[in-house]
């Protein structure tokens, strides 16, 4: 199994404000290699019933507990993690339209 795609774990940096003293959400990115997979049909519909919209799955070797993942300049929210054994973790991602989640 080759981990050839490049993604980034995104950790929120708290306490940043802009010039008008409004909170600004920014992230500290950690580069990681991953495998991109698709979400299965059964898993997709089961998640829809629970109110989630999974878009894709990725596999990473060292999951660091972050809530967001960036792939191809698009920010995703991690909605599910699954340890596949050893050091490989599967992450299920959804679009992160509202970063306050």
Protein backbone atom coordinates (compact mmCIF):
# COMPACT_ATOMS: atom_id res chain seq x y z
CA UNK A 1 0.00 0.00 0.00
CA UNK A 2 1.52 3.28 -1.15
CA UNK A 3 0.80 6.55 0.61
CA UNK A 4 1.36 8.90 -2.32
CA UNK A 5 -1.25 11.67 -1.91
CA UNK A 6 -0.29 14.73 0.15
CA UNK A 7 -2.69 16.14 2.73
CA UNK A 8 -2.50 18.21 5.89
CA UNK A 9 -3.81 17.73 9.41
CA UNK A 10 -5.23 21.10 10.47
CA UNK A 11 -5.19 22.12 14.13
CA UNK A 12 -7.12 25.26 15.12
CA UNK A 13 -5.07 28.09 16.56
CA UNK A 14 -7.21 29.75 19.26
CA UNK A 15 -7.23 33.40 20.22
CA UNK A 16 -6.44 35.11 16.91
CA UNK A 17 -8.30 38.33 16.09
CA UNK A 18 -8.29 40.66 13.08
CA UNK A 19 -7.79 44.45 13.10
CA UNK A 20 -11.44 44.94 14.18
CA UNK A 21 -10.95 42.48 17.07
CA UNK A 22 -13.19 39.84 15.51
CA UNK A 23 -12.19 36.21 16.06
CA UNK A 24 -10.30 34.71 13.13
CA UNK A 25 -10.11 30.98 12.63
CA UNK A 26 -6.69 29.87 11.48
CA UNK A 27 -5.01 26.50 11.35
CA UNK A 28 -1.58 25.06 11.94
CA UNK A 29 -0.96 22.51 9.17
CA UNK A 30 1.04 19.30 9.44
CA UNK A 31 1.94 17.58 6.18
CA UNK A 32 1.10 13.87 5.88
CA UNK A 33 1.01 11.28 3.11
CA UNK A 34 -2.29 9.45 2.61
CA UNK A 35 -4.39 7.17 0.40
CA UNK A 36 -7.67 8.55 -0.94
CA UNK A 37 -10.67 6.20 -1.00
CA UNK A 38 -14.33 6.63 -1.78
CA UNK A 39 -17.20 6.29 0.66
CA UNK A 40 -19.21 3.11 0.14
CA UNK A 41 -22.87 3.36 -0.85
CA UNK A 42 -24.17 1.63 2.28
CA UNK A 43 -22.01 3.76 4.56
CA UNK A 44 -23.06 6.92 2.72
CA UNK A 45 -26.80 6.28 3.19
CA UNK A 46 -26.41 5.23 6.82
CA UNK A 47 -24.54 8.46 7.54
CA UNK A 48 -27.25 10.48 5.74
CA UNK A 49 -29.85 9.05 8.12
CA UNK A 50 -27.69 10.21 11.05
CA UNK A 51 -27.40 13.72 9.57
CA UNK A 52 -23.89 13.50 8.11
CA UNK A 53 -22.73 13.81 4.51
CA UNK A 54 -19.49 11.85 4.11
CA UNK A 55 -17.60 12.80 0.97
CA UNK A 56 -14.45 10.71 1.02
CA UNK A 57 -12.25 8.49 3.11
CA UNK A 58 -8.51 8.62 3.49
CA UNK A 59 -5.96 6.38 5.13
CA UNK A 60 -3.05 7.85 7.06
CA UNK A 61 -0.24 6.26 9.00
CA UNK A 62 -0.07 8.55 12.01
CA UNK A 63 -3.32 10.21 13.05
CA UNK A 64 -2.65 13.03 15.51
CA UNK A 65 -6.18 13.69 16.81
CA UNK A 66 -6.95 16.81 14.74
CA UNK A 67 -10.54 17.70 13.77
CA UNK A 68 -9.84 18.95 10.23
CA UNK A 69 -7.96 17.71 7.19
CA UNK A 70 -6.91 19.62 4.07
CA UNK A 71 -6.66 17.84 0.73
CA UNK A 72 -6.19 19.51 -2.68
CA UNK A 73 -6.67 22.97 -1.10
CA UNK A 74 -10.09 21.99 0.30
CA UNK A 75 -10.75 21.89 4.04
CA UNK A 76 -12.71 18.91 5.40
CA UNK A 77 -14.04 18.08 8.85
CA UNK A 78 -13.17 14.63 10.19
CA UNK A 79 -16.43 12.94 11.18
CA UNK A 80 -15.16 9.41 11.88
CA UNK A 81 -11.90 7.64 12.62
CA UNK A 82 -11.27 3.91 12.39
CA UNK A 83 -8.03 2.18 13.39
CA UNK A 84 -7.34 -0.46 10.75
CA UNK A 85 -4.64 -2.11 12.79
CA UNK A 86 -1.01 -1.24 13.25
CA UNK A 87 -0.41 2.42 12.58
CA UNK A 88 -2.98 2.89 9.76
CA UNK A 89 -6.09 4.95 10.53
CA UNK A 90 -9.02 5.50 8.18
CA UNK A 91 -10.65 8.95 8.33
CA UNK A 92 -14.10 9.79 6.95
CA UNK A 93 -14.37 13.41 5.81
CA UNK A 94 -17.13 15.88 5.04
CA UNK A 95 -17.00 19.43 3.67
CA UNK A 96 -16.27 22.00 6.33
CA UNK A 97 -18.51 24.89 5.36
CA UNK A 98 -18.80 26.18 8.90
CA UNK A 99 -15.45 26.05 10.69
CA UNK A 100 -17.08 26.70 14.06
CA UNK A 101 -18.19 23.07 14.19
